[in-house]
Amino acid sequence: MTVEQAINDISALPLNDQLLVVQAIWDRLPDGVGTELTESQRAELDRRWAEYKADPSTALSEEEFRERIRVARSQ
């Protein structure tokens, strides 16, 4: 079976079963796989952290963040 065939077979499953397959695959990956940052990603995280440390009021609470998403989805 090729990767393409496996993807096609999985895509034919109901959505909840597809999510179970994704979770099962993710759980089997070794720790740290896919979590390496590029230099530009690390620089962006450092920039955002410095911005937050300089003025914590620029950050959103979890509730504010979720509300913004909810509003954006309803538009």
C-alpha atoms as a PDB file:
ATOM      1  CA  MET A   1       0.000   0.000   0.000  1.00  0.00           C
ATOM      2  CA  THR A   2       1.299   3.447  -0.890  1.00  0.00           C
ATOM      3  CA  VAL A   3       0.947   6.535   1.269  1.00  0.00           C
ATOM      4  CA  GLU A   4      -1.510   7.920  -1.295  1.00  0.00           C
ATOM      5  CA  GLN A   5      -3.661   4.778  -1.032  1.00  0.00           C
ATOM      6  CA  ALA A   6      -3.603   4.954   2.762  1.00  0.00           C
ATOM      7  CA  ILE A   7      -4.642   8.612   2.669  1.00  0.00           C
ATOM      8  CA  ASN A   8      -7.471   7.810   0.267  1.00  0.00           C
ATOM      9  CA  ASP A   9      -8.678   4.954   2.500  1.00  0.00           C
ATOM     10  CA  ILE A  10      -8.522   7.136   5.608  1.00  0.00           C
ATOM     11  CA  SER A  11     -10.303   9.984   3.800  1.00  0.00           C
ATOM     12  CA  ALA A  12     -13.216   7.639   3.120  1.00  0.00           C
ATOM     13  CA  LEU A  13     -13.769   7.148   6.860  1.00  0.00           C
ATOM     14  CA  PRO A  14     -16.220   9.288   8.841  1.00  0.00           C
ATOM     15  CA  LEU A  15     -14.622  12.489  10.168  1.00  0.00           C
ATOM     16  CA  ASN A  16     -14.449  11.273  13.782  1.00  0.00           C
ATOM     17  CA  ASP A  17     -12.630   8.122  12.668  1.00  0.00           C
ATOM     18  CA  GLN A  18     -10.215  10.214  10.595  1.00  0.00           C
ATOM     19  CA  LEU A  19      -9.433  12.225  13.717  1.00  0.00           C
ATOM     20  CA  LEU A  20      -8.823   9.025  15.675  1.00  0.00           C
ATOM     21  CA  VAL A  21      -6.334   7.899  13.005  1.00  0.00           C
ATOM     22  CA  VAL A  22      -4.532  11.251  13.146  1.00  0.00           C
ATOM     23  CA  GLN A  23      -4.340  11.067  16.943  1.00  0.00           C
ATOM     24  CA  ALA A  24      -3.082   7.465  16.856  1.00  0.00           C
ATOM     25  CA  ILE A  25      -0.340   8.394  14.375  1.00  0.00           C
ATOM     26  CA  TRP A  26       0.624  11.495  16.372  1.00  0.00           C
ATOM     27  CA  ASP A  27       0.814   9.463  19.596  1.00  0.00           C
ATOM     28  CA  ARG A  28       3.235   7.012  17.968  1.00  0.00           C
ATOM     29  CA  LEU A  29       5.737   9.658  16.850  1.00  0.00           C
ATOM     30  CA  PRO A  30       8.909   9.988  18.903  1.00  0.00           C
ATOM     31  CA  ASP A  31       9.049  12.921  21.315  1.00  0.00           C
ATOM     32  CA  GLY A  32      10.220  16.140  19.722  1.00  0.00           C
ATOM     33  CA  VAL A  33       9.383  15.217  16.129  1.00  0.00           C
ATOM     34  CA  GLY A  34       7.955  18.179  14.262  1.00  0.00           C
ATOM     35  CA  THR A  35       8.587  20.643  17.055  1.00  0.00           C
ATOM     36  CA  GLU A  36      11.886  22.078  15.826  1.00  0.00           C
ATOM     37  CA  LEU A  37      11.731  25.792  15.090  1.00  0.00           C
ATOM     38  CA  THR A  38      13.395  27.552  12.204  1.00  0.00           C
ATOM     39  CA  GLU A  39      15.627  30.497  13.021  1.00  0.00           C
ATOM     40  CA  SER A  40      12.968  32.918  11.739  1.00  0.00           C
ATOM     41  CA  GLN A  41      10.268  31.254  13.870  1.00  0.00           C
ATOM     42  CA  ARG A  42      12.478  31.474  16.946  1.00  0.00           C
ATOM     43  CA  ALA A  43      13.229  35.139  16.204  1.00  0.00           C
ATOM     44  CA  GLU A  44       9.509  35.886  15.870  1.00  0.00           C
ATOM     45  CA  LEU A  45       8.743  34.165  19.186  1.00  0.00           C
ATOM     46  CA  ASP A  46      11.556  36.100  20.854  1.00  0.00           C
ATOM     47  CA  ARG A  47      10.219  39.373  19.383  1.00  0.00           C
ATOM     48  CA  ARG A  48       6.684  38.657  20.607  1.00  0.00           C
ATOM     49  CA  TRP A  49       7.915  37.648  24.062  1.00  0.00           C
ATOM     50  CA  ALA A  50       9.956  40.860  24.365  1.00  0.00           C
ATOM     51  CA  GLU A  51       6.915  42.879  23.254  1.00  0.00           C
ATOM     52  CA  TYR A  52       4.782  41.190  25.907  1.00  0.00           C
ATOM     53  CA  LYS A  53       7.408  41.654  28.643  1.00  0.00           C
ATOM     54  CA  ALA A  54       7.683  45.358  27.772  1.00  0.00           C
ATOM     55  CA  ASP A  55       3.893  45.820  27.960  1.00  0.00           C
ATOM     56  CA  PRO A  56       1.823  42.873  29.269  1.00  0.00           C
ATOM     57  CA  SER A  57      -1.383  44.798  28.566  1.00  0.00           C
ATOM     58  CA  THR A  58      -0.889  44.015  24.852  1.00  0.00           C
ATOM     59  CA  ALA A  59      -1.770  40.371  25.475  1.00  0.00           C
ATOM     60  CA  LEU A  60      -5.279  38.932  25.341  1.00  0.00           C
ATOM     61  CA  SER A  61      -6.723  36.738  28.047  1.00  0.00           C
ATOM     62  CA  GLU A  62      -7.906  33.313  26.939  1.00  0.00           C
ATOM     63  CA  GLU A  63     -11.493  34.533  27.233  1.00  0.00           C
ATOM     64  CA  GLU A  64     -10.800  37.586  25.040  1.00  0.00           C
ATOM     65  CA  PHE A  65      -9.029  35.409  22.480  1.00  0.00           C
ATOM     66  CA  ARG A  66     -11.911  32.934  22.297  1.00  0.00           C
ATOM     67  CA  GLU A  67     -14.449  35.753  22.011  1.00  0.00           C
ATOM     68  CA  ARG A  68     -12.558  37.287  19.083  1.00  0.00           C
ATOM     69  CA  ILE A  69     -12.539  33.920  17.333  1.00  0.00           C
ATOM     70  CA  ARG A  70     -16.238  33.420  18.015  1.00  0.00           C
ATOM     71  CA  VAL A  71     -17.072  36.850  16.606  1.00  0.00           C
ATOM     72  CA  ALA A  72     -14.852  36.335  13.551  1.00  0.00           C
ATOM     73  CA  ARG A  73     -16.505  32.992  12.787  1.00  0.00           C
ATOM     74  CA  SER A  74     -19.987  34.474  12.992  1.00  0.00           C
ATOM     75  CA  GLN A  75     -19.246  37.144  10.371  1.00  0.00           C
END
